[in-house]
Amino acid sequence: MFDVWCRDPYQRYGSTSWRVDETYIKVGGKWKYLFRAVDKHGVLIDFMLLDRRNTLAAHRFLSKAATTMRDWPPTSITTDKCPSYPEAIAQLKRDELLAEDTRHRTLKYLNNIIQADHGALKQLIKPTPRLPDDEDCCRHHQGLEIMRMIRRGHCLTCKGGVQNEVRFVNSLFGIAA
């Protein structure tokens, strides 16, 4: 799987209360699972596109998110009632990527923030042209997430105004102005 996202210094400090969920999107004519994690304020922590929704996939995604946020490890992780998450979280605790006192919650109403975010994201993805492979899809999704972070004010170094936003995005992707 192609991973393009990393937590960069331009992003704001993340809350230690995570909301984790997955949704499905079509990539190259095949359904894939888009795993996403946001903090309790809706700030994106990480995402990953995977073929399956099982314990191995959940472990892989949570491991990546925990590594990305190693400076701000979660104190609680809220998920849906999918049976793969408790096993993945237990394995991450054994691997010492998560603290032993990290709580796993399955309260449905606490995950409303990420469920609503999935809906908004799918509205952006739906009208886009069909992406041929996982790599293109991840790059496209990274661009969408960055633009959504800018619009929500989740970037520390991006000043207001369209020209400043364009300069910021160009610097992120290494595009000469």
Protein backbone atom coordinates (compact mmCIF):
# COMPACT_ATOMS: atom_id res chain seq x y z
CA MET A 1 0.00 0.00 0.00
CA PHE A 2 1.20 3.47 -0.84
CA ASP A 3 1.39 5.80 2.15
CA VAL A 4 1.80 9.51 1.48
CA TRP A 5 0.54 11.18 4.61
CA CYS A 6 2.60 12.30 7.55
CA ARG A 7 2.01 14.66 10.45
CA ASP A 8 3.99 17.76 9.65
CA PRO A 9 5.01 20.70 11.81
CA TYR A 10 2.50 22.99 10.06
CA GLN A 11 -0.36 21.10 11.67
CA ARG A 12 -1.78 22.12 15.00
CA TYR A 13 -1.29 20.16 18.18
CA GLY A 14 -3.57 17.16 18.16
CA SER A 15 -5.93 16.14 20.93
CA THR A 16 -5.15 12.83 22.61
CA SER A 17 -8.75 11.66 22.19
CA TRP A 18 -9.05 9.92 18.84
CA ARG A 19 -12.06 8.93 16.73
CA VAL A 20 -11.28 6.08 14.33
CA ASP A 21 -13.47 4.65 11.59
CA GLU A 22 -13.38 3.37 8.06
CA THR A 23 -15.49 3.96 4.99
CA TYR A 24 -15.40 2.47 1.54
CA ILE A 25 -14.59 4.17 -1.75
CA LYS A 26 -14.15 2.90 -5.30
CA VAL A 27 -10.61 2.91 -6.70
CA GLY A 28 -9.96 1.60 -10.19
CA GLY A 29 -13.37 -0.07 -10.25
CA LYS A 30 -12.75 -1.96 -6.96
CA TRP A 31 -14.06 -1.18 -3.50
CA LYS A 32 -11.39 -0.24 -0.93
CA TYR A 33 -11.56 0.72 2.72
CA LEU A 34 -10.41 4.20 3.67
CA PHE A 35 -9.35 4.12 7.33
CA ARG A 36 -9.30 7.54 8.96
CA ALA A 37 -8.57 8.95 12.40
CA VAL A 38 -9.47 12.41 13.66
CA ASP A 39 -9.12 13.96 17.08
CA LYS A 40 -12.10 15.07 19.14
CA HIS A 41 -12.05 18.47 17.41
CA GLY A 42 -12.17 16.95 13.91
CA VAL A 43 -8.50 17.54 13.07
CA LEU A 44 -7.22 14.77 10.80
CA ILE A 45 -4.63 12.54 12.43
CA ASP A 46 -3.99 10.07 9.63
CA PHE A 47 -5.57 8.00 6.86
CA MET A 48 -4.77 4.82 4.97
CA LEU A 49 -6.35 3.04 2.01
CA LEU A 50 -6.53 -0.76 2.39
CA ASP A 51 -8.15 -3.71 0.62
CA ARG A 52 -9.63 -5.35 3.70
CA ARG A 53 -11.37 -4.47 6.94
CA ASN A 54 -9.90 -6.96 9.41
CA THR A 55 -7.64 -7.08 12.45
CA LEU A 56 -4.46 -6.91 10.38
CA ALA A 57 -5.73 -3.84 8.51
CA ALA A 58 -6.84 -2.14 11.75
CA HIS A 59 -3.48 -2.92 13.36
CA ARG A 60 -1.58 -1.58 10.36
CA PHE A 61 -3.56 1.65 10.31
CA LEU A 62 -3.45 2.27 14.08
CA SER A 63 0.27 1.50 14.10
CA LYS A 64 0.84 4.11 11.39
CA ALA A 65 -1.32 6.67 13.19
CA ALA A 66 0.44 6.02 16.52
CA THR A 67 3.84 6.44 14.85
CA THR A 68 2.69 9.64 13.15
CA MET A 69 1.46 11.04 16.47
CA ARG A 70 4.27 9.68 18.65
CA ASP A 71 4.69 13.10 20.29
CA TRP A 72 0.98 13.16 21.25
CA PRO A 73 -0.04 9.54 21.90
CA PRO A 74 -3.74 8.87 22.44
CA THR A 75 -5.24 8.51 25.89
CA SER A 76 -8.47 7.18 24.39
CA ILE A 77 -9.49 5.70 21.05
CA THR A 78 -13.17 5.65 20.10
CA THR A 79 -14.23 3.19 17.40
CA ASP A 80 -17.36 1.51 16.17
CA LYS A 81 -18.12 -1.99 17.45
CA CYS A 82 -16.05 -3.72 14.76
CA PRO A 83 -14.39 -6.71 16.49
CA SER A 84 -11.02 -6.09 14.82
CA TYR A 85 -10.25 -2.90 16.75
CA PRO A 86 -9.99 -4.34 20.30
CA GLU A 87 -7.58 -7.01 19.07
CA ALA A 88 -5.48 -4.46 17.14
CA ILE A 89 -5.35 -2.08 20.11
CA ALA A 90 -4.32 -4.91 22.46
CA GLN A 91 -1.53 -5.88 20.04
CA LEU A 92 -0.31 -2.26 19.85
CA LYS A 93 -0.17 -2.14 23.64
CA ARG A 94 1.91 -5.33 23.66
CA ASP A 95 4.18 -3.79 20.99
CA GLU A 96 4.44 -0.67 23.20
CA LEU A 97 3.17 1.64 20.45
CA LEU A 98 0.27 2.55 22.74
CA ALA A 99 0.41 3.11 26.49
CA GLU A 100 -1.12 0.42 28.69
CA ASP A 101 -3.63 2.93 30.09
CA THR A 102 -4.99 3.90 26.63
CA ARG A 103 -8.76 3.43 26.79
CA HIS A 104 -10.76 1.89 23.97
CA ARG A 105 -14.33 3.19 23.79
CA THR A 106 -17.17 2.08 21.53
CA LEU A 107 -19.73 4.77 22.33
CA LYS A 108 -21.60 5.38 19.11
CA TYR A 109 -22.40 9.07 19.69
CA LEU A 110 -18.72 9.94 20.21
CA ASN A 111 -17.92 8.77 16.69
CA ASN A 112 -20.52 11.07 15.11
CA ILE A 113 -17.79 13.59 14.25
CA ILE A 114 -15.94 11.16 11.99
CA GLN A 115 -19.16 9.72 10.54
CA ALA A 116 -20.25 13.21 9.48
CA ASP A 117 -16.76 13.87 8.11
CA HIS A 118 -16.97 10.70 5.98
CA GLY A 119 -20.20 12.01 4.45
CA ALA A 120 -18.64 15.36 3.57
CA LEU A 121 -15.57 13.65 2.16
CA LYS A 122 -17.63 11.32 -0.03
CA GLN A 123 -19.41 14.36 -1.48
CA LEU A 124 -15.99 15.64 -2.61
CA ILE A 125 -14.82 12.26 -3.92
CA LYS A 126 -18.02 11.38 -5.81
CA PRO A 127 -17.71 13.90 -8.70
CA THR A 128 -13.98 13.26 -9.26
CA PRO A 129 -12.79 11.21 -12.22
CA ARG A 130 -12.12 7.54 -11.64
CA LEU A 131 -8.66 7.11 -10.20
CA PRO A 132 -6.75 4.22 -11.77
CA ASP A 133 -4.75 2.94 -8.81
CA ASP A 134 -4.10 3.20 -5.07
CA GLU A 135 -1.16 5.58 -5.45
CA ASP A 136 -3.15 8.13 -7.44
CA CYS A 137 -6.06 7.78 -5.03
CA CYS A 138 -3.83 8.39 -2.00
CA ARG A 139 -2.30 11.49 -3.59
CA HIS A 140 -5.73 12.79 -4.55
CA HIS A 141 -7.04 12.13 -1.05
CA GLN A 142 -4.00 13.82 0.50
CA GLY A 143 -4.73 16.94 -1.54
CA LEU A 144 -8.39 16.90 -0.49
CA GLU A 145 -7.46 16.53 3.18
CA ILE A 146 -4.92 19.35 3.01
CA MET A 147 -7.44 21.70 1.40
CA ARG A 148 -10.05 20.76 4.02
CA MET A 149 -7.51 21.40 6.83
CA ILE A 150 -6.70 24.85 5.41
CA ARG A 151 -10.39 25.77 5.14
CA ARG A 152 -11.05 24.65 8.72
CA GLY A 153 -8.05 26.57 10.10
CA HIS A 154 -6.13 23.47 11.20
CA CYS A 155 -2.79 24.63 9.74
CA LEU A 156 -0.52 26.81 11.85
CA THR A 157 1.65 28.29 9.13
CA CYS A 158 -0.97 29.00 6.47
CA LYS A 159 -2.12 32.62 6.50
CA GLY A 160 -5.59 33.57 5.35
CA GLY A 161 -6.39 34.46 1.78
CA VAL A 162 -6.42 32.50 -1.45
CA GLN A 163 -2.92 33.55 -2.57
CA ASN A 164 -1.39 32.46 0.74
CA GLU A 165 -3.26 29.14 0.56
CA VAL A 166 -1.94 28.55 -2.97
CA ARG A 167 1.63 29.31 -1.84
CA PHE A 168 1.23 26.96 1.12
CA VAL A 169 -0.07 24.08 -1.03
CA ASN A 170 2.71 24.66 -3.58
CA SER A 171 5.31 24.46 -0.81
CA LEU A 172 3.77 21.22 0.52
CA PHE A 173 3.88 19.51 -2.85
CA GLY A 174 7.19 21.04 -3.95
CA ILE A 175 5.70 23.03 -6.81
CA ALA A 176 7.73 26.04 -7.95
CA ALA A 177 5.69 29.24 -7.86
